[in-house]
Amino acid sequence: MGTRFAVYEYTPQDRHLVPSCIMPHPDIVTDTAPKERWNYDIMEAAGEAKFRAIVAEIKTMLLSINRKCEYYSVLLLSSFY
């Protein structure tokens, strides 16, 4: 695992995924995303900010799911840094 990452965004209203999924090939493995999709680097300020924003959004989503669930509470209290 390196320092670069890609962000996929899903819109539940219209079930739209950006960037689109990589369609499977009948004969070869095609599950590798093109390098153009790995547009964030956690070692750069913009990449770190995007990563932190995603972590904050996940924590907010977990809070809205169930505030009394022990498993989610552990995730919310964990530090990723």
PDB file of N, CA and C in Angstrom:
ATOM      1  N   MET A   1       0.845  -1.168   0.000  1.00  0.00           N
ATOM      2  CA  MET A   1       0.000   0.000   0.000  1.00  0.00           C
ATOM      3  C   MET A   1       0.894   1.236   0.000  1.00  0.00           C
ATOM      4  N   GLY A   2       0.604   2.139  -0.895  1.00  0.00           N
ATOM      5  CA  GLY A   2       1.404   3.353  -1.010  1.00  0.00           C
ATOM      6  C   GLY A   2       0.713   4.546  -0.375  1.00  0.00           C
ATOM      7  N   THR A   3       1.125   5.721  -0.772  1.00  0.00           N
ATOM      8  CA  THR A   3       0.580   6.949  -0.197  1.00  0.00           C
ATOM      9  C   THR A   3      -0.537   7.553  -1.038  1.00  0.00           C
ATOM     10  N   ARG A   4      -0.741   7.048  -2.245  1.00  0.00           N
ATOM     11  CA  ARG A   4      -1.761   7.610  -3.137  1.00  0.00           C
ATOM     12  C   ARG A   4      -3.078   6.865  -2.952  1.00  0.00           C
ATOM     13  N   PHE A   5      -4.182   7.596  -3.143  1.00  0.00           N
ATOM     14  CA  PHE A   5      -5.493   6.960  -3.044  1.00  0.00           C
ATOM     15  C   PHE A   5      -6.479   7.609  -3.997  1.00  0.00           C
ATOM     16  N   ALA A   6      -7.505   6.847  -4.312  1.00  0.00           N
ATOM     17  CA  ALA A   6      -8.572   7.312  -5.191  1.00  0.00           C
ATOM     18  C   ALA A   6      -9.846   7.439  -4.372  1.00  0.00           C
ATOM     19  N   VAL A   7     -10.690   8.354  -4.755  1.00  0.00           N
ATOM     20  CA  VAL A   7     -11.955   8.557  -4.056  1.00  0.00           C
ATOM     21  C   VAL A   7     -13.090   8.261  -5.018  1.00  0.00           C
ATOM     22  N   TYR A   8     -13.970   7.378  -4.594  1.00  0.00           N
ATOM     23  CA  TYR A   8     -15.164   7.064  -5.363  1.00  0.00           C
ATOM     24  C   TYR A   8     -16.340   7.715  -4.659  1.00  0.00           C
ATOM     25  N   GLU A   9     -17.233   8.311  -5.417  1.00  0.00           N
ATOM     26  CA  GLU A   9     -18.411   8.954  -4.837  1.00  0.00           C
ATOM     27  C   GLU A   9     -19.662   8.273  -5.367  1.00  0.00           C
ATOM     28  N   TYR A  10     -20.562   7.949  -4.438  1.00  0.00           N
ATOM     29  CA  TYR A  10     -21.806   7.264  -4.787  1.00  0.00           C
ATOM     30  C   TYR A  10     -22.981   8.150  -4.414  1.00  0.00           C
ATOM     31  N   THR A  11     -23.891   8.335  -5.353  1.00  0.00           N
ATOM     32  CA  THR A  11     -25.105   9.099  -5.106  1.00  0.00           C
ATOM     33  C   THR A  11     -26.266   8.110  -5.009  1.00  0.00           C
ATOM     34  N   PRO A  12     -26.801   7.897  -3.805  1.00  0.00           N
ATOM     35  CA  PRO A  12     -27.852   6.888  -3.645  1.00  0.00           C
ATOM     36  C   PRO A  12     -29.161   7.217  -4.365  1.00  0.00           C
ATOM     37  N   GLN A  13     -29.462   8.503  -4.545  1.00  0.00           N
ATOM     38  CA  GLN A  13     -30.724   8.873  -5.195  1.00  0.00           C
ATOM     39  C   GLN A  13     -30.818   8.309  -6.609  1.00  0.00           C
ATOM     40  N   ASP A  14     -29.734   8.436  -7.362  1.00  0.00           N
ATOM     41  CA  ASP A  14     -29.762   7.925  -8.737  1.00  0.00           C
ATOM     42  C   ASP A  14     -28.839   6.720  -8.939  1.00  0.00           C
ATOM     43  N   ARG A  15     -28.275   6.218  -7.822  1.00  0.00           N
ATOM     44  CA  ARG A  15     -27.397   5.048  -7.837  1.00  0.00           C
ATOM     45  C   ARG A  15     -26.232   5.234  -8.810  1.00  0.00           C
ATOM     46  N   HIS A  16     -25.609   6.412  -8.734  1.00  0.00           N
ATOM     47  CA  HIS A  16     -24.537   6.794  -9.648  1.00  0.00           C
ATOM     48  C   HIS A  16     -23.186   6.710  -8.934  1.00  0.00           C
ATOM     49  N   LEU A  17     -22.220   6.024  -9.535  1.00  0.00           N
ATOM     50  CA  LEU A  17     -20.877   5.884  -8.982  1.00  0.00           C
ATOM     51  C   LEU A  17     -19.884   6.601  -9.900  1.00  0.00           C
ATOM     52  N   VAL A  18     -19.053   7.464  -9.290  1.00  0.00           N
ATOM     53  CA  VAL A  18     -18.038   8.200 -10.040  1.00  0.00           C
ATOM     54  C   VAL A  18     -16.697   7.963  -9.368  1.00  0.00           C
ATOM     55  N   PRO A  19     -15.641   7.595 -10.066  1.00  0.00           N
ATOM     56  CA  PRO A  19     -15.657   7.173 -11.459  1.00  0.00           C
ATOM     57  C   PRO A  19     -16.390   5.831 -11.600  1.00  0.00           C
ATOM     58  N   SER A  20     -16.768   5.530 -12.811  1.00  0.00           N
ATOM     59  CA  SER A  20     -17.539   4.314 -13.056  1.00  0.00           C
ATOM     60  C   SER A  20     -16.702   3.073 -12.749  1.00  0.00           C
ATOM     61  N   CYS A  21     -17.393   1.980 -12.497  1.00  0.00           N
ATOM     62  CA  CYS A  21     -16.700   0.742 -12.156  1.00  0.00           C
ATOM     63  C   CYS A  21     -15.933   0.207 -13.371  1.00  0.00           C
ATOM     64  N   ILE A  22     -14.950  -0.593 -13.087  1.00  0.00           N
ATOM     65  CA  ILE A  22     -14.155  -1.217 -14.143  1.00  0.00           C
ATOM     66  C   ILE A  22     -14.844  -2.530 -14.498  1.00  0.00           C
ATOM     67  N   MET A  23     -15.282  -2.642 -15.720  1.00  0.00           N
ATOM     68  CA  MET A  23     -16.022  -3.825 -16.147  1.00  0.00           C
ATOM     69  C   MET A  23     -15.091  -5.034 -16.243  1.00  0.00           C
ATOM     70  N   PRO A  24     -15.561  -6.170 -15.782  1.00  0.00           N
ATOM     71  CA  PRO A  24     -14.713  -7.371 -15.842  1.00  0.00           C
ATOM     72  C   PRO A  24     -14.510  -7.856 -17.273  1.00  0.00           C
ATOM     73  N   HIS A  25     -13.356  -8.392 -17.512  1.00  0.00           N
ATOM     74  CA  HIS A  25     -13.022  -8.975 -18.810  1.00  0.00           C
ATOM     75  C   HIS A  25     -13.223 -10.483 -18.688  1.00  0.00           C
ATOM     76  N   PRO A  26     -13.728 -11.146 -19.713  1.00  0.00           N
ATOM     77  CA  PRO A  26     -13.995 -12.584 -19.585  1.00  0.00           C
ATOM     78  C   PRO A  26     -12.739 -13.447 -19.457  1.00  0.00           C
ATOM     79  N   ASP A  27     -11.574 -12.943 -19.900  1.00  0.00           N
ATOM     80  CA  ASP A  27     -10.380 -13.784 -19.921  1.00  0.00           C
ATOM     81  C   ASP A  27      -9.235 -13.320 -19.024  1.00  0.00           C
ATOM     82  N   ILE A  28      -9.183 -12.027 -18.697  1.00  0.00           N
ATOM     83  CA  ILE A  28      -8.072 -11.518 -17.889  1.00  0.00           C
ATOM     84  C   ILE A  28      -8.601 -10.713 -16.702  1.00  0.00           C
ATOM     85  N   VAL A  29      -7.778 -10.588 -15.688  1.00  0.00           N
ATOM     86  CA  VAL A  29      -8.146  -9.819 -14.503  1.00  0.00           C
ATOM     87  C   VAL A  29      -8.050  -8.329 -14.833  1.00  0.00           C
ATOM     88  N   THR A  30      -9.125  -7.592 -14.583  1.00  0.00           N
ATOM     89  CA  THR A  30      -9.150  -6.150 -14.890  1.00  0.00           C
ATOM     90  C   THR A  30      -9.588  -5.345 -13.673  1.00  0.00           C
ATOM     91  N   ASP A  31      -9.154  -5.755 -12.483  1.00  0.00           N
ATOM     92  CA  ASP A  31      -9.601  -5.069 -11.273  1.00  0.00           C
ATOM     93  C   ASP A  31      -8.648  -3.968 -10.817  1.00  0.00           C
ATOM     94  N   THR A  32      -7.678  -3.607 -11.630  1.00  0.00           N
ATOM     95  CA  THR A  32      -6.730  -2.561 -11.270  1.00  0.00           C
ATOM     96  C   THR A  32      -7.193  -1.234 -11.848  1.00  0.00           C
ATOM     97  N   ALA A  33      -7.348  -0.252 -10.968  1.00  0.00           N
ATOM     98  CA  ALA A  33      -7.769   1.076 -11.427  1.00  0.00           C
ATOM     99  C   ALA A  33      -6.623   1.765 -12.154  1.00  0.00           C
ATOM    100  N   PRO A  34      -6.937   2.497 -13.191  1.00  0.00           N
ATOM    101  CA  PRO A  34      -5.888   3.243 -13.909  1.00  0.00           C
ATOM    102  C   PRO A  34      -5.215   4.268 -12.989  1.00  0.00           C
ATOM    103  N   LYS A  35      -3.959   4.567 -13.255  1.00  0.00           N
ATOM    104  CA  LYS A  35      -3.200   5.467 -12.373  1.00  0.00           C
ATOM    105  C   LYS A  35      -3.803   6.867 -12.300  1.00  0.00           C
ATOM    106  N   GLU A  36      -4.567   7.272 -13.316  1.00  0.00           N
ATOM    107  CA  GLU A  36      -5.184   8.597 -13.296  1.00  0.00           C
ATOM    108  C   GLU A  36      -6.204   8.732 -12.157  1.00  0.00           C
ATOM    109  N   ARG A  37      -6.756   7.623 -11.704  1.00  0.00           N
ATOM    110  CA  ARG A  37      -7.746   7.668 -10.615  1.00  0.00           C
ATOM    111  C   ARG A  37      -7.106   7.896  -9.253  1.00  0.00           C
ATOM    112  N   TRP A  38      -5.837   7.578  -9.104  1.00  0.00           N
ATOM    113  CA  TRP A  38      -5.146   7.712  -7.823  1.00  0.00           C
ATOM    114  C   TRP A  38      -4.634   9.148  -7.701  1.00  0.00           C
ATOM    115  N   ASN A  39      -5.570  10.089  -7.651  1.00  0.00           N
ATOM    116  CA  ASN A  39      -5.208  11.505  -7.768  1.00  0.00           C
ATOM    117  C   ASN A  39      -4.944  12.208  -6.439  1.00  0.00           C
ATOM    118  N   TYR A  40      -4.995  11.510  -5.328  1.00  0.00           N
ATOM    119  CA  TYR A  40      -4.674  12.119  -4.032  1.00  0.00           C
ATOM    120  C   TYR A  40      -3.459  11.424  -3.433  1.00  0.00           C
ATOM    121  N   ASP A  41      -2.613  12.197  -2.793  1.00  0.00           N
ATOM    122  CA  ASP A  41      -1.441  11.658  -2.099  1.00  0.00           C
ATOM    123  C   ASP A  41      -1.520  12.123  -0.651  1.00  0.00           C
ATOM    124  N   ILE A  42      -1.570  11.184   0.261  1.00  0.00           N
ATOM    125  CA  ILE A  42      -1.742  11.513   1.680  1.00  0.00           C
ATOM    126  C   ILE A  42      -0.551  12.297   2.236  1.00  0.00           C
ATOM    127  N   MET A  43       0.577  12.263   1.524  1.00  0.00           N
ATOM    128  CA  MET A  43       1.756  12.994   1.975  1.00  0.00           C
ATOM    129  C   MET A  43       1.744  14.457   1.529  1.00  0.00           C
ATOM    130  N   GLU A  44       0.749  14.830   0.743  1.00  0.00           N
ATOM    131  CA  GLU A  44       0.601  16.219   0.308  1.00  0.00           C
ATOM    132  C   GLU A  44      -0.573  16.845   1.055  1.00  0.00           C
ATOM    133  N   ALA A  45      -0.555  18.153   1.200  1.00  0.00           N
ATOM    134  CA  ALA A  45      -1.578  18.857   1.995  1.00  0.00           C
ATOM    135  C   ALA A  45      -2.996  18.581   1.478  1.00  0.00           C
ATOM    136  N   ALA A  46      -3.199  18.631   0.191  1.00  0.00           N
ATOM    137  CA  ALA A  46      -4.539  18.411  -0.376  1.00  0.00           C
ATOM    138  C   ALA A  46      -5.011  16.975  -0.128  1.00  0.00           C
ATOM    139  N   GLY A  47      -4.107  16.020  -0.268  1.00  0.00           N
ATOM    140  CA  GLY A  47      -4.457  14.623  -0.030  1.00  0.00           C
ATOM    141  C   GLY A  47      -4.768  14.354   1.432  1.00  0.00           C
ATOM    142  N   GLU A  48      -3.962  14.920   2.316  1.00  0.00           N
ATOM    143  CA  GLU A  48      -4.214  14.754   3.750  1.00  0.00           C
ATOM    144  C   GLU A  48      -5.565  15.369   4.129  1.00  0.00           C
ATOM    145  N   ALA A  49      -5.857  16.553   3.598  1.00  0.00           N
ATOM    146  CA  ALA A  49      -7.130  17.216   3.902  1.00  0.00           C
ATOM    147  C   ALA A  49      -8.309  16.381   3.402  1.00  0.00           C
ATOM    148  N   LYS A  50      -8.187  15.816   2.199  1.00  0.00           N
ATOM    149  CA  LYS A  50      -9.265  14.992   1.649  1.00  0.00           C
ATOM    150  C   LYS A  50      -9.456  13.737   2.497  1.00  0.00           C
ATOM    151  N   PHE A  51      -8.362  13.094   2.892  1.00  0.00           N
ATOM    152  CA  PHE A  51      -8.436  11.897   3.714  1.00  0.00           C
ATOM    153  C   PHE A  51      -9.094  12.202   5.054  1.00  0.00           C
ATOM    154  N   ARG A  52      -8.691  13.297   5.685  1.00  0.00           N
ATOM    155  CA  ARG A  52      -9.288  13.681   6.973  1.00  0.00           C
ATOM    156  C   ARG A  52     -10.775  14.002   6.815  1.00  0.00           C
ATOM    157  N   ALA A  53     -11.148  14.630   5.707  1.00  0.00           N
ATOM    158  CA  ALA A  53     -12.559  14.944   5.461  1.00  0.00           C
ATOM    159  C   ALA A  53     -13.378  13.667   5.303  1.00  0.00           C
ATOM    160  N   ILE A  54     -12.816  12.678   4.628  1.00  0.00           N
ATOM    161  CA  ILE A  54     -13.515  11.397   4.467  1.00  0.00           C
ATOM    162  C   ILE A  54     -13.675  10.705   5.814  1.00  0.00           C
ATOM    163  N   VAL A  55     -12.631  10.701   6.631  1.00  0.00           N
ATOM    164  CA  VAL A  55     -12.709  10.086   7.962  1.00  0.00           C
ATOM    165  C   VAL A  55     -13.770  10.795   8.804  1.00  0.00           C
ATOM    166  N   ALA A  56     -13.805  12.127   8.753  1.00  0.00           N
ATOM    167  CA  ALA A  56     -14.811  12.876   9.510  1.00  0.00           C
ATOM    168  C   ALA A  56     -16.222  12.552   9.026  1.00  0.00           C
ATOM    169  N   GLU A  57     -16.405  12.405   7.715  1.00  0.00           N
ATOM    170  CA  GLU A  57     -17.717  12.071   7.167  1.00  0.00           C
ATOM    171  C   GLU A  57     -18.157  10.673   7.609  1.00  0.00           C
ATOM    172  N   ILE A  58     -17.224   9.732   7.623  1.00  0.00           N
ATOM    173  CA  ILE A  58     -17.545   8.377   8.074  1.00  0.00           C
ATOM    174  C   ILE A  58     -17.946   8.387   9.544  1.00  0.00           C
ATOM    175  N   LYS A  59     -17.215   9.130  10.361  1.00  0.00           N
ATOM    176  CA  LYS A  59     -17.561   9.220  11.787  1.00  0.00           C
ATOM    177  C   LYS A  59     -18.951   9.809  11.973  1.00  0.00           C
ATOM    178  N   THR A  60     -19.293  10.828  11.187  1.00  0.00           N
ATOM    179  CA  THR A  60     -20.629  11.429  11.260  1.00  0.00           C
ATOM    180  C   THR A  60     -21.695  10.426  10.857  1.00  0.00           C
ATOM    181  N   MET A  61     -21.439   9.661   9.801  1.00  0.00           N
ATOM    182  CA  MET A  61     -22.396   8.637   9.366  1.00  0.00           C
ATOM    183  C   MET A  61     -22.587   7.582  10.450  1.00  0.00           C
ATOM    184  N   LEU A  62     -21.498   7.167  11.088  1.00  0.00           N
ATOM    185  CA  LEU A  62     -21.602   6.166  12.141  1.00  0.00           C
ATOM    186  C   LEU A  62     -22.429   6.674  13.313  1.00  0.00           C
ATOM    187  N   LEU A  63     -22.255   7.934  13.661  1.00  0.00           N
ATOM    188  CA  LEU A  63     -23.049   8.514  14.741  1.00  0.00           C
ATOM    189  C   LEU A  63     -24.535   8.490  14.416  1.00  0.00           C
ATOM    190  N   SER A  64     -24.866   8.727  13.162  1.00  0.00           N
ATOM    191  CA  SER A  64     -26.277   8.757  12.774  1.00  0.00           C
ATOM    192  C   SER A  64     -26.889   7.364  12.696  1.00  0.00           C
ATOM    193  N   ILE A  65     -26.056   6.329  12.561  1.00  0.00           N
ATOM    194  CA  ILE A  65     -26.577   4.962  12.468  1.00  0.00           C
ATOM    195  C   ILE A  65     -27.079   4.478  13.827  1.00  0.00           C
ATOM    196  N   ASN A  66     -26.218   4.525  14.817  1.00  0.00           N
ATOM    197  CA  ASN A  66     -26.615   4.012  16.124  1.00  0.00           C
ATOM    198  C   ASN A  66     -25.635   4.489  17.183  1.00  0.00           C
ATOM    199  N   ARG A  67     -26.057   5.418  17.998  1.00  0.00           N
ATOM    200  CA  ARG A  67     -25.183   5.981  19.031  1.00  0.00           C
ATOM    201  C   ARG A  67     -24.913   5.004  20.170  1.00  0.00           C
ATOM    202  N   LYS A  68     -25.708   3.958  20.324  1.00  0.00           N
ATOM    203  CA  LYS A  68     -25.550   3.047  21.455  1.00  0.00           C
ATOM    204  C   LYS A  68     -24.763   1.785  21.116  1.00  0.00           C
ATOM    205  N   CYS A  69     -24.387   1.608  19.893  1.00  0.00           N
ATOM    206  CA  CYS A  69     -23.695   0.399  19.468  1.00  0.00           C
ATOM    207  C   CYS A  69     -22.224   0.462  19.898  1.00  0.00           C
ATOM    208  N   GLU A  70     -21.742  -0.547  20.646  1.00  0.00           N
ATOM    209  CA  GLU A  70     -20.366  -0.550  21.138  1.00  0.00           C
ATOM    210  C   GLU A  70     -19.347  -0.576  20.004  1.00  0.00           C
ATOM    211  N   TYR A  71     -19.599  -1.348  18.965  1.00  0.00           N
ATOM    212  CA  TYR A  71     -18.650  -1.460  17.870  1.00  0.00           C
ATOM    213  C   TYR A  71     -18.408  -0.103  17.211  1.00  0.00           C
ATOM    214  N   TYR A  72     -19.488   0.619  16.940  1.00  0.00           N
ATOM    215  CA  TYR A  72     -19.348   1.931  16.317  1.00  0.00           C
ATOM    216  C   TYR A  72     -18.662   2.914  17.262  1.00  0.00           C
ATOM    217  N   SER A  73     -18.935   2.793  18.549  1.00  0.00           N
ATOM    218  CA  SER A  73     -18.293   3.685  19.517  1.00  0.00           C
ATOM    219  C   SER A  73     -16.791   3.495  19.507  1.00  0.00           C
ATOM    220  N   VAL A  74     -16.334   2.247  19.392  1.00  0.00           N
ATOM    221  CA  VAL A  74     -14.901   1.972  19.343  1.00  0.00           C
ATOM    222  C   VAL A  74     -14.293   2.610  18.096  1.00  0.00           C
ATOM    223  N   LEU A  75     -14.975   2.495  16.971  1.00  0.00           N
ATOM    224  CA  LEU A  75     -14.470   3.100  15.743  1.00  0.00           C
ATOM    225  C   LEU A  75     -14.364   4.613  15.872  1.00  0.00           C
ATOM    226  N   LEU A  76     -15.357   5.217  16.505  1.00  0.00           N
ATOM    227  CA  LEU A  76     -15.355   6.671  16.626  1.00  0.00           C
ATOM    228  C   LEU A  76     -14.248   7.169  17.543  1.00  0.00           C
ATOM    229  N   LEU A  77     -13.898   6.347  18.535  1.00  0.00           N
ATOM    230  CA  LEU A  77     -12.868   6.761  19.484  1.00  0.00           C
ATOM    231  C   LEU A  77     -11.469   6.458  18.975  1.00  0.00           C
ATOM    232  N   SER A  78     -11.354   5.583  17.985  1.00  0.00           N
ATOM    233  CA  SER A  78     -10.031   5.209  17.457  1.00  0.00           C
ATOM    234  C   SER A  78      -9.375   6.389  16.759  1.00  0.00           C
ATOM    235  N   SER A  79      -8.098   6.428  16.873  1.00  0.00           N
ATOM    236  CA  SER A  79      -7.337   7.466  16.177  1.00  0.00           C
ATOM    237  C   SER A  79      -6.645   6.826  14.982  1.00  0.00           C
ATOM    238  N   PHE A  80      -6.782   7.448  13.822  1.00  0.00           N
ATOM    239  CA  PHE A  80      -6.160   6.930  12.620  1.00  0.00           C
ATOM    240  C   PHE A  80      -4.774   7.510  12.406  1.00  0.00           C
ATOM    241  N   TYR A  81      -4.336   8.392  13.290  1.00  0.00           N
ATOM    242  CA  TYR A  81      -3.034   9.043  13.106  1.00  0.00           C
ATOM    243  C   TYR A  81      -2.179   8.814  14.313  1.00  0.00           C
TER     244      TYR A  81
END
